[in-house]
């Protein structure tokens, strides 16, 4: 669907259930990547959700969740998502979740750049945002590397499992985006 030389984004299929289960069944990772309570799932439930999603026509403002994998051999890396899509105001949020073994190799930067291309070119959005824990220096560096500007800090906005922590807000306007 969308690719760089190393990373490809594509819609997940029901056959991706084991990889997505592995990614989303880590309660510690869930604390820093999701704002909903962690609910343990079975791989069969993940597969059923993917089958249902594949059979439905997505709504215009529904989140777009894409699977990230290597171009070379299809190794699962994680996911990228465009969420909070507001077509009236022309904005959306980006998020990524990578397996621990996929981090620190530049894959996150490539996933964010591909999501930007999708949001600006294919969805005709004018603004993209990233919210991350203020202490998540890797994500903050990735956002800045991709051209996002730190626009502020939301005090005690997110729960990280130990307490409420600050969230850093980053924004990128289409006019400032470098494809």
N, C-alpha and C. Protein backbone atom coordinates (compact mmCIF):
# COMPACT_ATOMS: atom_id res chain seq x y z
N UNK A 1 0.83 -1.19 0.00
CA UNK A 1 0.00 0.00 0.00
C UNK A 1 0.87 1.25 0.00
N UNK A 2 1.57 1.52 1.09
CA UNK A 2 2.51 2.63 1.17
C UNK A 2 3.83 2.04 1.61
N UNK A 3 4.93 2.49 1.01
CA UNK A 3 6.21 1.88 1.38
C UNK A 3 7.37 2.83 1.17
N UNK A 4 8.40 2.60 1.97
CA UNK A 4 9.72 3.17 1.74
C UNK A 4 10.56 2.00 1.22
N UNK A 5 11.86 2.17 1.18
CA UNK A 5 12.71 1.05 0.76
C UNK A 5 12.71 -0.08 1.79
N UNK A 6 12.45 0.25 3.07
CA UNK A 6 12.54 -0.76 4.13
C UNK A 6 11.22 -1.14 4.78
N UNK A 7 10.25 -0.22 4.79
CA UNK A 7 9.02 -0.43 5.56
C UNK A 7 7.80 -0.27 4.67
N UNK A 8 6.84 -1.15 4.91
CA UNK A 8 5.57 -1.09 4.17
C UNK A 8 4.42 -1.01 5.18
N UNK A 9 3.42 -0.19 4.85
CA UNK A 9 2.18 -0.14 5.62
C UNK A 9 1.08 -0.75 4.76
N UNK A 10 0.26 -1.59 5.38
CA UNK A 10 -0.86 -2.21 4.67
C UNK A 10 -1.97 -2.50 5.66
N UNK A 11 -3.19 -2.64 5.15
CA UNK A 11 -4.28 -3.01 6.04
C UNK A 11 -4.04 -4.39 6.64
N UNK A 12 -4.36 -4.59 7.90
CA UNK A 12 -4.20 -5.92 8.49
C UNK A 12 -5.27 -6.87 7.95
N UNK A 13 -4.94 -8.14 7.92
CA UNK A 13 -5.87 -9.19 7.53
C UNK A 13 -6.09 -10.10 8.73
N UNK A 14 -7.11 -10.96 8.69
CA UNK A 14 -7.31 -11.89 9.80
C UNK A 14 -6.09 -12.77 10.08
N UNK A 15 -5.28 -13.04 9.06
CA UNK A 15 -4.08 -13.86 9.27
C UNK A 15 -3.01 -13.14 10.10
N UNK A 16 -3.16 -11.84 10.30
CA UNK A 16 -2.21 -11.07 11.11
C UNK A 16 -2.55 -11.13 12.59
N UNK A 17 -3.61 -11.83 12.96
CA UNK A 17 -4.06 -11.87 14.36
C UNK A 17 -2.95 -12.27 15.33
N UNK A 18 -2.15 -13.31 15.06
CA UNK A 18 -1.11 -13.66 16.05
C UNK A 18 -0.11 -12.54 16.31
N UNK A 19 0.30 -11.83 15.25
CA UNK A 19 1.25 -10.72 15.43
C UNK A 19 0.61 -9.57 16.20
N UNK A 20 -0.61 -9.22 15.85
CA UNK A 20 -1.29 -8.13 16.54
C UNK A 20 -1.60 -8.50 17.99
N UNK A 21 -1.92 -9.76 18.21
CA UNK A 21 -2.14 -10.24 19.58
C UNK A 21 -0.86 -10.07 20.40
N UNK A 22 0.27 -10.46 19.82
CA UNK A 22 1.56 -10.33 20.52
C UNK A 22 1.85 -8.87 20.85
N UNK A 23 1.56 -7.98 19.92
CA UNK A 23 1.83 -6.56 20.13
C UNK A 23 0.91 -5.96 21.20
N UNK A 24 -0.37 -6.28 21.12
CA UNK A 24 -1.35 -5.61 21.99
C UNK A 24 -1.67 -6.38 23.27
N UNK A 25 -0.99 -7.49 23.52
CA UNK A 25 -1.26 -8.23 24.75
C UNK A 25 -0.28 -7.90 25.87
N UNK A 26 0.60 -6.94 25.64
CA UNK A 26 1.56 -6.51 26.65
C UNK A 26 0.93 -5.39 27.49
N UNK A 27 0.55 -5.66 28.74
CA UNK A 27 -0.12 -4.63 29.54
C UNK A 27 0.74 -3.40 29.82
N UNK A 28 2.05 -3.57 29.89
CA UNK A 28 2.92 -2.41 30.13
C UNK A 28 2.96 -1.50 28.90
N UNK A 29 3.05 -2.09 27.72
CA UNK A 29 3.03 -1.30 26.49
C UNK A 29 1.68 -0.61 26.34
N UNK A 30 0.62 -1.30 26.71
CA UNK A 30 -0.72 -0.72 26.61
C UNK A 30 -0.84 0.56 27.44
N UNK A 31 -0.21 0.58 28.59
CA UNK A 31 -0.28 1.75 29.46
C UNK A 31 0.25 3.02 28.80
N UNK A 32 1.22 2.88 27.93
CA UNK A 32 1.81 4.07 27.32
C UNK A 32 1.34 4.32 25.89
N UNK A 33 0.51 3.43 25.35
CA UNK A 33 0.07 3.61 23.97
C UNK A 33 -1.44 3.73 23.82
N UNK A 34 -2.19 3.56 24.88
CA UNK A 34 -3.64 3.57 24.77
C UNK A 34 -4.24 4.28 25.96
N UNK A 35 -5.34 4.96 25.75
CA UNK A 35 -5.97 5.66 26.86
C UNK A 35 -7.19 4.93 27.40
N UNK A 36 -7.34 3.68 27.05
CA UNK A 36 -8.40 2.82 27.57
C UNK A 36 -7.80 1.81 28.54
N UNK A 37 -8.61 1.29 29.46
CA UNK A 37 -8.10 0.25 30.36
C UNK A 37 -7.66 -0.99 29.58
N UNK A 38 -6.67 -1.68 30.08
CA UNK A 38 -6.19 -2.91 29.44
C UNK A 38 -7.18 -4.04 29.73
N UNK A 39 -7.65 -4.66 28.67
CA UNK A 39 -8.54 -5.81 28.78
C UNK A 39 -7.87 -6.97 28.05
N UNK A 40 -7.50 -8.03 28.75
CA UNK A 40 -6.86 -9.15 28.08
C UNK A 40 -7.78 -9.76 27.02
N UNK A 41 -7.20 -10.10 25.89
CA UNK A 41 -7.92 -10.73 24.79
C UNK A 41 -7.26 -12.05 24.43
N UNK A 42 -8.00 -12.87 23.76
CA UNK A 42 -7.48 -14.12 23.20
C UNK A 42 -7.20 -13.86 21.73
N UNK A 43 -6.24 -14.56 21.17
CA UNK A 43 -5.90 -14.37 19.76
C UNK A 43 -7.12 -14.59 18.87
N UNK A 44 -8.02 -15.47 19.28
CA UNK A 44 -9.24 -15.69 18.50
C UNK A 44 -10.13 -14.46 18.47
N UNK A 45 -10.16 -13.70 19.56
CA UNK A 45 -10.94 -12.47 19.58
C UNK A 45 -10.33 -11.43 18.64
N UNK A 46 -9.01 -11.38 18.60
CA UNK A 46 -8.33 -10.46 17.69
C UNK A 46 -8.66 -10.84 16.25
N UNK A 47 -8.61 -12.12 15.94
CA UNK A 47 -8.94 -12.59 14.59
C UNK A 47 -10.39 -12.26 14.23
N UNK A 48 -11.31 -12.48 15.16
CA UNK A 48 -12.72 -12.18 14.89
C UNK A 48 -12.92 -10.69 14.62
N UNK A 49 -12.23 -9.84 15.38
CA UNK A 49 -12.33 -8.39 15.16
C UNK A 49 -11.80 -8.02 13.78
N UNK A 50 -10.68 -8.64 13.38
CA UNK A 50 -10.12 -8.37 12.05
C UNK A 50 -11.05 -8.86 10.95
N UNK A 51 -11.67 -10.00 11.15
CA UNK A 51 -12.61 -10.52 10.15
C UNK A 51 -13.81 -9.58 10.01
N UNK A 52 -14.32 -9.11 11.13
CA UNK A 52 -15.45 -8.18 11.11
C UNK A 52 -15.06 -6.90 10.39
N UNK A 53 -13.89 -6.37 10.72
CA UNK A 53 -13.43 -5.13 10.10
C UNK A 53 -13.25 -5.30 8.59
N UNK A 54 -12.76 -6.47 8.16
CA UNK A 54 -12.55 -6.71 6.74
C UNK A 54 -13.87 -6.78 5.98
N UNK A 55 -14.95 -7.19 6.65
CA UNK A 55 -16.25 -7.32 6.01
C UNK A 55 -17.04 -6.02 5.97
N UNK A 56 -16.66 -5.05 6.79
CA UNK A 56 -17.40 -3.79 6.88
C UNK A 56 -16.79 -2.71 6.00
N UNK A 57 -17.64 -1.81 5.54
CA UNK A 57 -17.18 -0.62 4.83
C UNK A 57 -16.83 0.42 5.90
N UNK A 58 -15.60 0.93 5.92
CA UNK A 58 -15.24 1.90 6.96
C UNK A 58 -15.98 3.22 6.78
N UNK A 59 -16.26 3.87 7.90
CA UNK A 59 -16.88 5.18 7.88
C UNK A 59 -15.82 6.23 7.59
N UNK A 60 -16.25 7.39 7.11
CA UNK A 60 -15.32 8.44 6.68
C UNK A 60 -14.35 8.87 7.78
N UNK A 61 -14.81 9.04 9.00
CA UNK A 61 -13.94 9.52 10.07
C UNK A 61 -13.39 8.44 10.96
N UNK A 62 -13.59 7.17 10.59
CA UNK A 62 -13.13 6.05 11.42
C UNK A 62 -11.61 6.00 11.45
N UNK A 63 -11.02 5.54 12.55
CA UNK A 63 -9.57 5.40 12.59
C UNK A 63 -9.08 4.47 11.47
N UNK A 64 -7.88 4.75 10.99
CA UNK A 64 -7.26 3.92 9.97
C UNK A 64 -6.05 3.26 10.62
N UNK A 65 -6.14 1.96 10.83
CA UNK A 65 -5.05 1.22 11.46
C UNK A 65 -4.35 0.38 10.40
N UNK A 66 -3.05 0.56 10.28
CA UNK A 66 -2.26 -0.14 9.27
C UNK A 66 -1.16 -0.96 9.93
N UNK A 67 -0.87 -2.08 9.35
CA UNK A 67 0.18 -2.96 9.84
C UNK A 67 1.51 -2.52 9.22
N UNK A 68 2.55 -2.45 10.02
CA UNK A 68 3.90 -2.10 9.54
C UNK A 68 4.74 -3.36 9.47
N UNK A 69 5.38 -3.56 8.33
CA UNK A 69 6.23 -4.73 8.13
C UNK A 69 7.42 -4.35 7.27
N UNK A 70 8.44 -5.22 7.28
CA UNK A 70 9.60 -4.96 6.43
C UNK A 70 9.24 -5.29 4.98
N UNK A 71 9.80 -4.52 4.06
CA UNK A 71 9.60 -4.77 2.64
C UNK A 71 10.34 -6.04 2.24
N UNK A 72 11.52 -6.24 2.79
CA UNK A 72 12.39 -7.35 2.37
C UNK A 72 11.74 -8.71 2.58
N UNK A 73 11.17 -8.95 3.76
CA UNK A 73 10.65 -10.30 4.02
C UNK A 73 9.32 -10.32 4.76
N UNK A 74 8.67 -9.17 4.91
CA UNK A 74 7.36 -9.13 5.55
C UNK A 74 7.38 -9.33 7.05
N UNK A 75 8.54 -9.13 7.68
CA UNK A 75 8.61 -9.26 9.14
C UNK A 75 7.74 -8.20 9.80
N UNK A 76 6.88 -8.63 10.71
CA UNK A 76 5.98 -7.73 11.43
C UNK A 76 6.77 -6.80 12.33
N UNK A 77 6.50 -5.50 12.23
CA UNK A 77 7.18 -4.49 13.04
C UNK A 77 6.24 -3.88 14.09
N UNK A 78 4.99 -3.69 13.72
CA UNK A 78 4.05 -3.03 14.61
C UNK A 78 2.89 -2.45 13.82
N UNK A 79 2.34 -1.36 14.34
CA UNK A 79 1.20 -0.72 13.68
C UNK A 79 1.37 0.79 13.66
N UNK A 80 0.68 1.38 12.72
CA UNK A 80 0.55 2.82 12.65
C UNK A 80 -0.92 3.14 12.50
N UNK A 81 -1.36 4.22 13.12
CA UNK A 81 -2.79 4.54 13.08
C UNK A 81 -2.99 6.04 12.88
N UNK A 82 -3.98 6.36 12.09
CA UNK A 82 -4.47 7.71 11.93
C UNK A 82 -5.83 7.72 12.63
N UNK A 83 -5.97 8.52 13.67
CA UNK A 83 -7.20 8.49 14.48
C UNK A 83 -7.66 9.91 14.78
N UNK A 84 -8.87 10.01 15.32
CA UNK A 84 -9.41 11.35 15.61
C UNK A 84 -9.52 12.17 14.34
N UNK A 85 -9.87 11.52 13.25
CA UNK A 85 -9.93 12.19 11.95
C UNK A 85 -11.12 13.14 11.93
N UNK A 86 -10.83 14.40 11.70
CA UNK A 86 -11.85 15.45 11.65
C UNK A 86 -11.76 16.07 10.26
N UNK A 87 -12.65 15.65 9.36
CA UNK A 87 -12.58 16.14 7.98
C UNK A 87 -13.03 17.60 7.87
N UNK A 88 -13.89 18.05 8.77
CA UNK A 88 -14.34 19.44 8.72
C UNK A 88 -13.17 20.39 8.99
N UNK A 89 -12.40 20.09 10.03
CA UNK A 89 -11.25 20.93 10.37
C UNK A 89 -9.97 20.49 9.67
N UNK A 90 -10.01 19.34 9.02
CA UNK A 90 -8.85 18.87 8.27
C UNK A 90 -7.68 18.44 9.14
N UNK A 91 -7.99 17.70 10.21
CA UNK A 91 -6.90 17.27 11.09
C UNK A 91 -7.10 15.85 11.57
N UNK A 92 -6.02 15.27 12.05
CA UNK A 92 -6.05 13.92 12.62
C UNK A 92 -4.83 13.75 13.51
N UNK A 93 -4.85 12.69 14.29
CA UNK A 93 -3.73 12.31 15.15
C UNK A 93 -3.04 11.09 14.56
N UNK A 94 -1.75 10.98 14.83
CA UNK A 94 -0.98 9.81 14.41
C UNK A 94 -0.51 9.06 15.63
N UNK A 95 -0.39 7.77 15.49
CA UNK A 95 0.18 6.96 16.56
C UNK A 95 0.88 5.75 15.99
N UNK A 96 1.90 5.29 16.68
CA UNK A 96 2.59 4.07 16.28
C UNK A 96 2.84 3.22 17.51
N UNK A 97 2.87 1.93 17.28
CA UNK A 97 3.25 0.98 18.31
C UNK A 97 4.15 -0.05 17.64
N UNK A 98 5.38 -0.13 18.09
CA UNK A 98 6.34 -1.08 17.51
C UNK A 98 6.72 -2.13 18.54
N UNK A 99 7.00 -3.33 18.03
CA UNK A 99 7.54 -4.38 18.90
C UNK A 99 8.87 -3.91 19.47
N UNK A 100 9.23 -4.35 20.66
CA UNK A 100 10.52 -3.93 21.24
C UNK A 100 11.71 -4.19 20.31
N UNK A 101 11.72 -5.32 19.62
CA UNK A 101 12.85 -5.64 18.75
C UNK A 101 12.88 -4.79 17.47
N UNK A 102 11.81 -4.05 17.19
CA UNK A 102 11.77 -3.20 16.00
C UNK A 102 12.15 -1.75 16.31
N UNK A 103 12.33 -1.44 17.58
CA UNK A 103 12.62 -0.07 17.98
C UNK A 103 14.11 0.24 17.83
N UNK A 104 14.40 1.53 17.69
CA UNK A 104 15.79 1.98 17.65
C UNK A 104 16.50 1.73 16.33
N UNK A 105 15.74 1.42 15.28
CA UNK A 105 16.34 1.12 13.97
C UNK A 105 15.84 2.06 12.88
N UNK A 106 15.09 3.10 13.27
CA UNK A 106 14.57 4.05 12.29
C UNK A 106 13.23 3.65 11.69
N UNK A 107 12.69 2.50 12.09
CA UNK A 107 11.41 2.07 11.53
C UNK A 107 10.29 3.03 11.92
N UNK A 108 10.31 3.53 13.15
CA UNK A 108 9.27 4.45 13.61
C UNK A 108 9.23 5.72 12.78
N UNK A 109 10.39 6.24 12.43
CA UNK A 109 10.46 7.43 11.59
C UNK A 109 9.83 7.16 10.24
N UNK A 110 10.12 6.00 9.67
CA UNK A 110 9.55 5.67 8.36
C UNK A 110 8.04 5.49 8.44
N UNK A 111 7.56 4.86 9.51
CA UNK A 111 6.11 4.68 9.67
C UNK A 111 5.43 6.04 9.80
N UNK A 112 5.98 6.94 10.62
CA UNK A 112 5.38 8.27 10.78
C UNK A 112 5.38 9.00 9.43
N UNK A 113 6.46 8.95 8.69
CA UNK A 113 6.51 9.63 7.39
C UNK A 113 5.47 9.06 6.42
N UNK A 114 5.28 7.75 6.44
CA UNK A 114 4.27 7.14 5.58
C UNK A 114 2.86 7.56 6.01
N UNK A 115 2.62 7.63 7.32
CA UNK A 115 1.32 8.09 7.80
C UNK A 115 1.07 9.55 7.42
N UNK A 116 2.12 10.37 7.45
CA UNK A 116 1.99 11.77 7.03
C UNK A 116 1.62 11.84 5.55
N UNK A 117 2.30 11.05 4.75
CA UNK A 117 1.98 11.03 3.31
C UNK A 117 0.52 10.64 3.10
N UNK A 118 0.08 9.61 3.80
CA UNK A 118 -1.31 9.18 3.68
C UNK A 118 -2.27 10.29 4.14
N UNK A 119 -1.99 10.89 5.29
CA UNK A 119 -2.88 11.91 5.82
C UNK A 119 -2.96 13.16 4.95
N UNK A 120 -1.82 13.64 4.48
CA UNK A 120 -1.81 14.86 3.70
C UNK A 120 -2.23 14.63 2.25
N UNK A 121 -1.72 13.61 1.62
CA UNK A 121 -2.01 13.39 0.19
C UNK A 121 -3.31 12.65 -0.05
N UNK A 122 -3.53 11.57 0.68
CA UNK A 122 -4.67 10.71 0.39
C UNK A 122 -5.93 11.08 1.16
N UNK A 123 -5.78 11.77 2.27
CA UNK A 123 -6.96 12.20 3.05
C UNK A 123 -7.18 13.71 2.98
N UNK A 124 -6.28 14.42 2.32
CA UNK A 124 -6.39 15.86 2.13
C UNK A 124 -6.52 16.62 3.46
N UNK A 125 -5.76 16.17 4.46
CA UNK A 125 -5.77 16.85 5.75
C UNK A 125 -4.78 18.01 5.71
N UNK A 126 -4.98 18.98 6.58
CA UNK A 126 -4.07 20.13 6.62
C UNK A 126 -3.20 20.14 7.86
N UNK A 127 -3.55 19.29 8.87
CA UNK A 127 -2.81 19.28 10.12
C UNK A 127 -2.81 17.88 10.70
N UNK A 128 -1.64 17.44 11.18
CA UNK A 128 -1.50 16.17 11.87
C UNK A 128 -0.89 16.42 13.24
N UNK A 129 -1.33 15.63 14.21
CA UNK A 129 -0.84 15.80 15.58
C UNK A 129 -0.34 14.49 16.15
N UNK A 130 0.64 14.61 17.02
CA UNK A 130 1.14 13.47 17.79
C UNK A 130 1.11 13.88 19.25
N UNK A 131 0.51 13.04 20.07
CA UNK A 131 0.56 13.22 21.53
C UNK A 131 1.34 12.05 22.08
N UNK A 132 2.31 12.34 22.93
CA UNK A 132 3.11 11.28 23.52
C UNK A 132 3.45 11.65 24.96
N UNK A 133 3.76 10.65 25.75
CA UNK A 133 4.21 10.93 27.11
C UNK A 133 5.42 11.85 27.04
N UNK A 134 5.45 12.85 27.90
CA UNK A 134 6.55 13.81 27.88
C UNK A 134 7.89 13.11 28.09
N UNK A 135 7.90 12.01 28.80
CA UNK A 135 9.13 11.27 29.05
C UNK A 135 9.52 10.29 27.94
N UNK A 136 8.72 10.19 26.89
CA UNK A 136 9.01 9.28 25.79
C UNK A 136 9.94 9.98 24.80
N UNK A 137 11.21 10.02 25.16
CA UNK A 137 12.18 10.78 24.34
C UNK A 137 12.34 10.19 22.94
N UNK A 138 12.21 8.89 22.80
CA UNK A 138 12.34 8.28 21.46
C UNK A 138 11.24 8.79 20.53
N UNK A 139 10.01 8.80 21.01
CA UNK A 139 8.91 9.28 20.17
C UNK A 139 9.01 10.76 19.91
N UNK A 140 9.46 11.51 20.90
CA UNK A 140 9.61 12.95 20.71
C UNK A 140 10.68 13.25 19.66
N UNK A 141 11.79 12.52 19.70
CA UNK A 141 12.83 12.70 18.67
C UNK A 141 12.30 12.32 17.30
N UNK A 142 11.54 11.23 17.25
CA UNK A 142 10.97 10.78 15.97
C UNK A 142 10.04 11.85 15.41
N UNK A 143 9.18 12.41 16.25
CA UNK A 143 8.26 13.45 15.79
C UNK A 143 9.04 14.64 15.22
N UNK A 144 10.06 15.07 15.93
CA UNK A 144 10.85 16.22 15.47
C UNK A 144 11.62 15.89 14.19
N UNK A 145 12.13 14.67 14.09
CA UNK A 145 12.84 14.24 12.88
C UNK A 145 11.92 14.28 11.67
N UNK A 146 10.63 14.06 11.90
CA UNK A 146 9.65 14.06 10.81
C UNK A 146 9.05 15.44 10.55
N UNK A 147 9.55 16.47 11.23
CA UNK A 147 9.11 17.83 10.98
C UNK A 147 8.04 18.36 11.92
N UNK A 148 7.60 17.55 12.88
CA UNK A 148 6.61 18.00 13.83
C UNK A 148 7.23 19.02 14.79
N UNK A 149 6.42 19.98 15.21
CA UNK A 149 6.87 21.04 16.10
C UNK A 149 6.21 20.83 17.47
N UNK A 150 7.02 20.92 18.52
CA UNK A 150 6.48 20.82 19.88
C UNK A 150 5.63 22.05 20.14
N UNK A 151 4.35 21.85 20.38
CA UNK A 151 3.42 22.96 20.54
C UNK A 151 2.98 23.18 21.98
N UNK A 152 3.32 22.24 22.84
CA UNK A 152 2.95 22.44 24.23
C UNK A 152 2.98 21.16 25.02
N UNK A 153 2.78 21.33 26.31
CA UNK A 153 2.75 20.20 27.23
C UNK A 153 1.44 20.24 27.99
N UNK A 154 0.75 19.13 27.98
CA UNK A 154 -0.52 19.01 28.69
C UNK A 154 -0.22 18.36 30.04
N UNK A 155 -0.39 19.12 31.10
CA UNK A 155 0.00 18.65 32.42
C UNK A 155 -0.90 17.52 32.91
N UNK A 156 -0.26 16.48 33.43
CA UNK A 156 -0.94 15.31 34.00
C UNK A 156 -2.09 14.83 33.12
N UNK A 157 -1.82 14.70 31.84
CA UNK A 157 -2.84 14.35 30.85
C UNK A 157 -3.01 12.85 30.68
N UNK A 158 -1.95 12.06 30.91
CA UNK A 158 -2.02 10.63 30.67
C UNK A 158 -1.61 9.82 31.88
N UNK A 159 -2.12 8.62 31.94
CA UNK A 159 -1.79 7.69 33.02
C UNK A 159 -0.77 6.69 32.49
N UNK A 160 0.33 6.50 33.20
CA UNK A 160 1.38 5.59 32.73
C UNK A 160 1.52 4.33 33.58
N UNK A 161 0.57 4.07 34.45
CA UNK A 161 0.63 2.90 35.32
C UNK A 161 1.12 3.23 36.71
N UNK A 162 1.88 4.30 36.84
CA UNK A 162 2.39 4.72 38.14
C UNK A 162 1.74 6.00 38.63
N UNK A 163 1.10 6.71 37.74
CA UNK A 163 0.48 7.98 38.08
C UNK A 163 0.19 8.77 36.83
N UNK A 164 -0.29 9.98 37.03
CA UNK A 164 -0.61 10.82 35.89
C UNK A 164 0.62 11.63 35.51
N UNK A 165 0.89 11.65 34.21
CA UNK A 165 2.11 12.28 33.68
C UNK A 165 1.74 13.27 32.58
N UNK A 166 2.68 14.13 32.29
CA UNK A 166 2.50 15.13 31.24
C UNK A 166 2.56 14.49 29.86
N UNK A 167 1.83 15.09 28.94
CA UNK A 167 1.85 14.67 27.54
C UNK A 167 2.41 15.81 26.72
N UNK A 168 3.27 15.48 25.78
CA UNK A 168 3.80 16.47 24.86
C UNK A 168 2.97 16.44 23.58
N UNK A 169 2.59 17.61 23.10
CA UNK A 169 1.79 17.73 21.88
C UNK A 169 2.65 18.28 20.76
N UNK A 170 2.63 17.57 19.63
CA UNK A 170 3.38 17.97 18.44
C UNK A 170 2.41 18.15 17.29
N UNK A 171 2.68 19.12 16.43
CA UNK A 171 1.84 19.36 15.27
C UNK A 171 2.67 19.55 14.02
N UNK A 172 2.08 19.17 12.90
CA UNK A 172 2.70 19.36 11.59
C UNK A 172 1.62 19.84 10.63
N UNK A 173 1.87 20.98 10.00
CA UNK A 173 0.95 21.51 9.00
C UNK A 173 1.40 21.03 7.62
N UNK A 174 0.42 20.85 6.75
CA UNK A 174 0.75 20.38 5.40
C UNK A 174 1.77 21.32 4.72
N UNK A 175 1.61 22.62 4.93
CA UNK A 175 2.51 23.57 4.26
C UNK A 175 3.96 23.44 4.76
N UNK A 176 4.16 22.83 5.94
CA UNK A 176 5.49 22.65 6.49
C UNK A 176 6.04 21.24 6.25
N UNK A 177 5.21 20.39 5.67
CA UNK A 177 5.56 18.98 5.46
C UNK A 177 6.49 18.85 4.25
N UNK A 178 7.53 18.04 4.43
CA UNK A 178 8.43 17.73 3.33
C UNK A 178 8.22 16.27 2.94
N UNK A 179 7.63 16.04 1.77
CA UNK A 179 7.38 14.63 1.36
C UNK A 179 8.67 13.86 1.14
